Amino acid sequence: MLSRGDLTDAEWAVLEPPLPVSNNRCGRWRDHRQVINGIIHRLGTGVQWRELPEHFGPWKTVHKPHLRWSTDGTWEMLLQHVQAAADAGGDLDWNVNVDSTSVRAHQHAAGAPKKPPTTPPRSSKGAPQISSSARAHHPAAPAGGGGEPGEALGRSRGGLTTKIHVAAEGRCRPLSLLVTPGQRADCTQFEPVMDKIRVPRTGLGRPRRTPDSVSADKAYSNRKIRTYLRKRGIRHVIPEKKDHKAARLHRGSRGGRPPGFDKDRYKDRNTVERAIGKLKQFRAVATRYAKRGYVYLGTVTAAALLIWLRS
């Protein structure tokens, strides 16, 4: 019997092939489907790991894989696997929209050790192996350490906050994700979140990284971002700020031509707002409980993976 929110047989058939496989030297593994169902339950409810229902097994056997997969990039690899399948079937809209959202951090999110954790070596005894068909780029070490900024926590009038930067495709599904301290300006993270777009090919060829067009609000209106998009040959729709427009007109002919603006294309920017709304339907995303920034990013990535599976 499936519980509410558990993976269906069709969803499991998509996720099972690229999942890590045992090297038969680290004991018997808990069934991956049961573990992911436990993670899904926690994503939707936001309960403490210790409060997971008993039918998911011991809470540590669900919690530890989530930490490990957030550390070694398995969640990101699974997300790219699902994106690649959608792109191969023509179900990916490459008109990308970028925006961010702030998330309140619970008091339990504070107090992480300042020393960053180390990535467990995969070649050591008992380390998991990833199937050769699903090898992807993994970070050399998880982000973290150095106090609140290193864990993507920022101080504001509302207390501790984290900001999620999202690049969403035209069907309201996240293409890439990034977490920063809550006070970080949106425009400073535009290039990093765009550089994280990486959709592998199901056959031969390099992963696709360049969208057909990009849309963003006035927070991303500056010369550096426009130059970055122009060098990559990406059409963009970003409204011009009033002070930028006034300065350009004040310079006369030296101010250059106004940037192009397509009103009809800009109307589609709501897709990133709807993608953020879908992410915040998961209580573990809408409120941050994780102390480590890379663990919270893994939580957000797991939620994005479910959005792709169920879209």
Protein backbone atom coordinates (compact mmCIF):
# COMPACT_ATOMS: atom_id res chain seq x y z
CA MET A 1 0.00 0.00 0.00
CA LEU A 2 1.35 3.40 -1.01
CA SER A 3 1.17 6.27 1.45
CA ARG A 4 0.19 9.77 0.40
CA GLY A 5 3.07 11.30 -1.56
CA ASP A 6 5.02 8.07 -2.11
CA LEU A 7 6.63 7.37 -5.46
CA THR A 8 4.40 5.68 -7.99
CA ASP A 9 5.64 2.75 -10.06
CA ALA A 10 6.08 5.04 -13.10
CA GLU A 11 8.09 7.59 -11.09
CA TRP A 12 10.25 4.86 -9.56
CA ALA A 13 10.96 3.42 -13.02
CA VAL A 14 12.48 6.81 -13.97
CA LEU A 15 14.57 7.20 -10.82
CA GLU A 16 15.83 3.67 -10.28
CA PRO A 17 18.41 3.31 -13.12
CA PRO A 18 20.80 6.15 -12.13
CA LEU A 19 20.67 5.60 -8.35
CA PRO A 20 23.89 4.61 -6.52
CA VAL A 21 24.56 0.88 -6.38
CA SER A 22 26.23 -1.05 -3.57
CA ASN A 23 29.77 -2.40 -3.90
CA ASN A 24 28.76 -5.38 -1.69
CA ARG A 25 31.35 -4.42 0.93
CA CYS A 26 29.32 -2.11 3.17
CA GLY A 27 26.55 -4.35 4.42
CA ARG A 28 22.95 -4.58 3.33
CA TRP A 29 21.42 -1.34 2.11
CA ARG A 30 17.93 -0.16 2.91
CA ASP A 31 15.69 -0.24 -0.17
CA HIS A 32 16.21 3.03 -2.09
CA ARG A 33 12.51 3.40 -2.81
CA GLN A 34 11.63 3.20 0.88
CA VAL A 35 14.37 5.73 1.71
CA ILE A 36 13.19 8.21 -0.93
CA ASN A 37 9.59 7.83 0.22
CA GLY A 38 10.73 8.73 3.74
CA ILE A 39 12.57 11.79 2.40
CA ILE A 40 9.45 12.81 0.45
CA HIS A 41 7.36 12.53 3.63
CA ARG A 42 9.79 14.78 5.46
CA LEU A 43 9.89 17.26 2.54
CA GLY A 44 6.13 17.66 2.57
CA THR A 45 5.58 17.77 6.33
CA GLY A 46 8.80 19.34 7.64
CA VAL A 47 8.80 17.01 10.67
CA GLN A 48 11.95 16.23 12.59
CA TRP A 49 13.83 13.26 11.23
CA ARG A 50 13.30 11.38 14.49
CA GLU A 51 9.53 11.73 14.04
CA LEU A 52 9.35 9.83 10.73
CA PRO A 53 6.65 7.12 10.72
CA GLU A 54 7.93 3.64 11.51
CA HIS A 55 6.98 2.14 8.14
CA PHE A 56 9.88 4.08 6.56
CA GLY A 57 12.32 2.20 8.76
CA PRO A 58 14.80 3.64 11.30
CA TRP A 59 15.05 7.38 10.89
CA LYS A 60 18.85 7.29 10.55
CA THR A 61 18.61 5.01 7.49
CA VAL A 62 16.58 7.78 5.80
CA HIS A 63 18.50 10.75 7.15
CA LYS A 64 22.02 9.55 6.33
CA PRO A 65 21.37 8.89 2.59
CA HIS A 66 19.89 12.39 2.31
CA LEU A 67 23.05 13.87 3.85
CA ARG A 68 25.30 11.73 1.64
CA TRP A 69 23.38 12.51 -1.55
CA SER A 70 23.40 16.23 -0.71
CA THR A 71 27.17 16.03 -0.21
CA ASP A 72 28.27 14.07 -3.28
CA GLY A 73 25.85 15.64 -5.78
CA THR A 74 23.51 12.65 -6.20
CA TRP A 75 20.39 14.82 -5.91
CA GLU A 76 21.72 17.14 -8.63
CA MET A 77 22.61 14.14 -10.80
CA LEU A 78 19.06 12.74 -10.45
CA LEU A 79 17.58 16.13 -11.33
CA GLN A 80 19.73 16.37 -14.46
CA HIS A 81 18.75 12.80 -15.38
CA VAL A 82 15.05 13.70 -15.33
CA GLN A 83 15.70 16.97 -17.19
CA ALA A 84 17.63 15.09 -19.89
CA ALA A 85 14.72 12.68 -20.40
CA ALA A 86 12.29 15.61 -20.73
CA ASP A 87 14.59 17.42 -23.18
CA ALA A 88 14.97 14.29 -25.31
CA GLY A 89 11.17 14.01 -25.52
CA GLY A 90 10.74 17.67 -26.50
CA ASP A 91 9.07 18.49 -23.17
CA LEU A 92 11.51 21.20 -22.05
CA ASP A 93 10.83 24.86 -22.83
CA TRP A 94 14.17 26.67 -23.14
CA ASN A 95 12.68 30.13 -22.56
CA VAL A 96 14.24 30.59 -19.12
CA ASN A 97 13.20 33.00 -16.37
CA VAL A 98 15.31 33.93 -13.35
CA ASP A 99 14.27 35.17 -9.91
CA SER A 100 14.86 34.57 -6.20
CA THR A 101 12.88 34.13 -3.00
CA SER A 102 13.69 34.55 0.67
CA VAL A 103 13.13 31.79 3.21
CA ARG A 104 12.97 32.18 6.96
CA ALA A 105 15.44 29.98 8.81
CA HIS A 106 14.22 28.22 11.93
CA GLN A 107 16.28 28.65 15.09
CA HIS A 108 17.38 25.02 14.67
CA ALA A 109 19.25 26.08 11.51
CA ALA A 110 21.78 28.06 13.56
CA GLY A 111 24.82 26.69 15.36
CA ALA A 112 26.58 24.58 12.73
CA PRO A 113 30.29 23.87 13.38
CA LYS A 114 32.51 26.43 11.68
CA LYS A 115 34.75 23.75 10.21
CA PRO A 116 33.29 22.54 6.87
CA PRO A 117 32.64 18.80 6.51
CA THR A 118 34.75 16.73 4.15
CA THR A 119 33.44 14.71 1.23
CA PRO A 120 33.72 10.95 1.89
CA PRO A 121 36.04 9.37 -0.73
CA ARG A 122 34.17 7.03 -3.09
CA SER A 123 37.18 4.78 -3.57
CA SER A 124 37.43 3.84 0.11
CA LYS A 125 36.07 0.62 1.54
CA GLY A 126 32.34 0.73 2.04
CA ALA A 127 31.83 3.76 -0.19
CA PRO A 128 28.88 3.74 -2.60
CA GLN A 129 29.35 3.46 -6.34
CA ILE A 130 27.37 5.36 -8.96
CA SER A 131 26.27 3.58 -12.11
CA SER A 132 28.42 4.43 -15.13
CA SER A 133 25.39 5.58 -17.17
CA ALA A 134 24.66 8.33 -14.64
CA ARG A 135 28.08 9.78 -13.85
CA ALA A 136 27.84 13.56 -13.59
CA HIS A 137 29.76 16.49 -12.20
CA HIS A 138 30.03 16.31 -8.40
CA PRO A 139 31.49 18.99 -6.15
CA ALA A 140 34.93 18.27 -4.72
CA ALA A 141 33.73 19.26 -1.26
CA PRO A 142 30.43 20.55 0.19
CA ALA A 143 30.05 24.23 0.86
CA GLY A 144 30.03 25.31 4.48
CA GLY A 145 32.14 26.54 7.32
CA GLY A 146 33.04 30.08 8.30
CA GLY A 147 29.91 30.85 10.32
CA GLU A 148 26.59 32.10 9.02
CA PRO A 149 27.70 33.39 5.57
CA GLY A 150 29.40 30.08 4.79
CA GLU A 151 26.15 28.25 5.54
CA ALA A 152 23.99 30.58 3.38
CA LEU A 153 22.45 32.31 6.40
CA GLY A 154 21.96 36.06 6.50
CA ARG A 155 20.82 38.53 9.13
CA SER A 156 17.91 40.91 8.55
CA ARG A 157 15.13 42.54 10.54
CA GLY A 158 13.23 39.26 10.35
CA GLY A 159 16.13 37.25 11.73
CA LEU A 160 18.03 34.50 9.93
CA THR A 161 17.10 34.14 6.27
CA THR A 162 18.29 32.21 3.23
CA LYS A 163 17.70 33.19 -0.38
CA ILE A 164 16.98 30.63 -3.11
CA HIS A 165 17.97 31.71 -6.62
CA VAL A 166 16.03 29.87 -9.32
CA ALA A 167 16.30 29.59 -13.09
CA ALA A 168 13.03 28.06 -14.33
CA GLU A 169 12.08 26.81 -17.78
CA GLY A 170 8.87 27.76 -19.55
CA ARG A 171 6.74 25.04 -17.93
CA CYS A 172 7.32 26.24 -14.35
CA ARG A 173 10.03 23.71 -13.46
CA PRO A 174 13.40 24.63 -11.91
CA LEU A 175 16.42 24.20 -14.18
CA SER A 176 19.08 25.28 -11.68
CA LEU A 177 19.16 26.27 -8.02
CA LEU A 178 21.49 28.22 -5.76
CA VAL A 179 21.28 29.22 -2.08
CA THR A 180 22.93 32.31 -0.55
CA PRO A 181 22.55 34.42 2.60
CA GLY A 182 19.26 36.29 2.63
CA GLN A 183 20.76 39.76 2.21
CA ARG A 184 22.69 38.86 -0.97
CA ALA A 185 21.64 40.96 -3.97
CA ASP A 186 19.88 39.12 -6.80
CA CYS A 187 22.05 40.56 -9.57
CA THR A 188 25.27 39.20 -8.03
CA GLN A 189 24.02 35.61 -8.39
CA PHE A 190 22.68 35.82 -11.95
CA GLU A 191 25.78 34.40 -13.62
CA PRO A 192 26.29 31.57 -11.07
CA VAL A 193 22.69 30.36 -11.38
CA MET A 194 22.89 30.56 -15.19
CA ASP A 195 26.20 28.67 -15.21
CA LYS A 196 24.57 25.85 -13.24
CA ILE A 197 22.14 25.10 -16.08
CA ARG A 198 23.40 21.78 -17.43
CA VAL A 199 21.05 19.35 -19.17
CA PRO A 200 22.88 16.22 -20.41
CA ARG A 201 22.09 14.56 -23.73
CA THR A 202 20.61 11.08 -23.68
CA GLY A 203 22.90 10.15 -26.56
CA LEU A 204 26.16 11.64 -27.79
CA GLY A 205 26.95 15.31 -27.41
CA ARG A 206 27.79 17.86 -24.76
CA PRO A 207 25.21 18.91 -22.17
CA ARG A 208 23.08 21.86 -23.22
CA ARG A 209 23.82 24.98 -21.21
CA THR A 210 22.46 27.83 -23.37
CA PRO A 211 18.73 28.72 -23.29
CA ASP A 212 16.84 30.25 -26.19
CA SER A 213 15.99 33.39 -24.21
CA VAL A 214 16.18 34.74 -20.66
CA SER A 215 13.77 37.00 -18.82
CA ALA A 216 14.24 38.70 -15.43
CA ASP A 217 12.90 41.68 -13.48
CA LYS A 218 14.53 45.06 -12.81
CA ALA A 219 16.70 43.65 -10.03
CA TYR A 220 18.86 42.12 -12.78
CA SER A 221 19.06 45.26 -14.90
CA ASN A 222 22.71 46.23 -15.17
CA ARG A 223 25.39 46.45 -17.83
CA LYS A 224 27.37 43.44 -16.56
CA ILE A 225 24.42 41.04 -16.91
CA ARG A 226 23.48 42.36 -20.35
CA THR A 227 27.08 42.00 -21.52
CA TYR A 228 27.24 38.45 -20.16
CA LEU A 229 24.09 37.46 -22.08
CA ARG A 230 25.23 39.24 -25.25
CA LYS A 231 28.57 37.40 -25.24
CA ARG A 232 26.77 34.06 -24.96
CA GLY A 233 24.38 35.00 -27.77
CA ILE A 234 21.27 34.74 -25.56
CA ARG A 235 18.24 36.92 -26.28
CA HIS A 236 17.02 38.60 -23.11
CA VAL A 237 14.10 40.64 -21.81
CA ILE A 238 15.05 42.73 -18.77
CA PRO A 239 13.27 46.04 -18.12
CA GLU A 240 15.44 49.13 -17.75
CA LYS A 241 15.52 50.90 -14.40
CA LYS A 242 14.26 54.49 -14.31
CA ASP A 243 17.55 55.90 -13.07
CA HIS A 244 19.46 53.99 -15.77
CA LYS A 245 17.10 55.35 -18.39
CA ALA A 246 17.44 58.90 -17.09
CA ALA A 247 21.25 58.65 -17.08
CA ARG A 248 21.24 57.31 -20.63
CA LEU A 249 19.00 60.11 -21.89
CA HIS A 250 21.09 62.69 -20.06
CA ARG A 251 24.18 61.60 -22.00
CA GLY A 252 22.38 62.09 -25.30
CA SER A 253 23.89 60.30 -28.28
CA ARG A 254 26.73 59.04 -26.07
CA GLY A 255 24.24 57.14 -23.93
CA GLY A 256 23.65 54.58 -26.65
CA ARG A 257 20.48 52.91 -27.76
CA PRO A 258 17.87 51.70 -25.27
CA PRO A 259 17.87 47.93 -24.62
CA GLY A 260 15.27 45.95 -26.50
CA PHE A 261 12.17 44.96 -24.58
CA ASP A 262 9.48 42.46 -25.67
CA LYS A 263 6.31 43.00 -23.62
CA ASP A 264 4.74 39.74 -24.73
CA ARG A 265 7.82 37.72 -23.79
CA TYR A 266 8.05 39.49 -20.43
CA LYS A 267 4.53 38.33 -19.57
CA ASP A 268 5.90 34.78 -19.37
CA ARG A 269 8.13 35.75 -16.45
CA ASN A 270 5.39 34.50 -14.14
CA THR A 271 6.62 30.96 -14.81
CA VAL A 272 9.53 31.41 -12.39
CA GLU A 273 7.16 32.80 -9.75
CA ARG A 274 4.97 29.73 -10.17
CA ALA A 275 8.02 27.46 -9.97
CA ILE A 276 8.98 29.11 -6.67
CA GLY A 277 5.41 28.63 -5.48
CA LYS A 278 5.68 24.92 -6.24
CA LEU A 279 8.94 24.67 -4.32
CA LYS A 280 7.42 26.36 -1.28
CA GLN A 281 4.57 23.85 -1.20
CA PHE A 282 7.15 21.64 0.53
CA ARG A 283 7.31 22.67 4.19
CA ALA A 284 10.97 21.65 4.53
CA VAL A 285 11.74 24.17 1.77
CA ALA A 286 9.40 26.98 2.88
CA THR A 287 11.16 26.98 6.29
CA ARG A 288 14.81 26.10 6.58
CA TYR A 289 15.65 23.65 9.38
CA ALA A 290 19.03 22.34 8.14
CA LYS A 291 22.15 23.75 9.75
CA ARG A 292 24.37 23.10 6.74
CA GLY A 293 23.85 25.11 3.56
CA TYR A 294 24.66 22.17 1.28
CA VAL A 295 22.07 20.00 3.07
CA TYR A 296 19.38 22.64 2.57
CA LEU A 297 20.38 22.94 -1.09
CA GLY A 298 19.99 19.15 -1.35
CA THR A 299 16.52 19.47 0.19
CA VAL A 300 15.51 22.13 -2.35
CA THR A 301 16.98 20.03 -5.20
CA ALA A 302 15.02 16.96 -4.04
CA ALA A 303 11.83 19.07 -4.08
CA ALA A 304 12.66 20.27 -7.62
CA LEU A 305 13.18 16.64 -8.65
CA LEU A 306 9.67 15.76 -7.46
CA ILE A 307 8.25 18.74 -9.38
CA TRP A 308 9.82 17.38 -12.57
CA LEU A 309 8.65 13.84 -11.91
CA ARG A 310 5.05 14.92 -11.27
CA SER A 311 4.67 17.69 -13.82
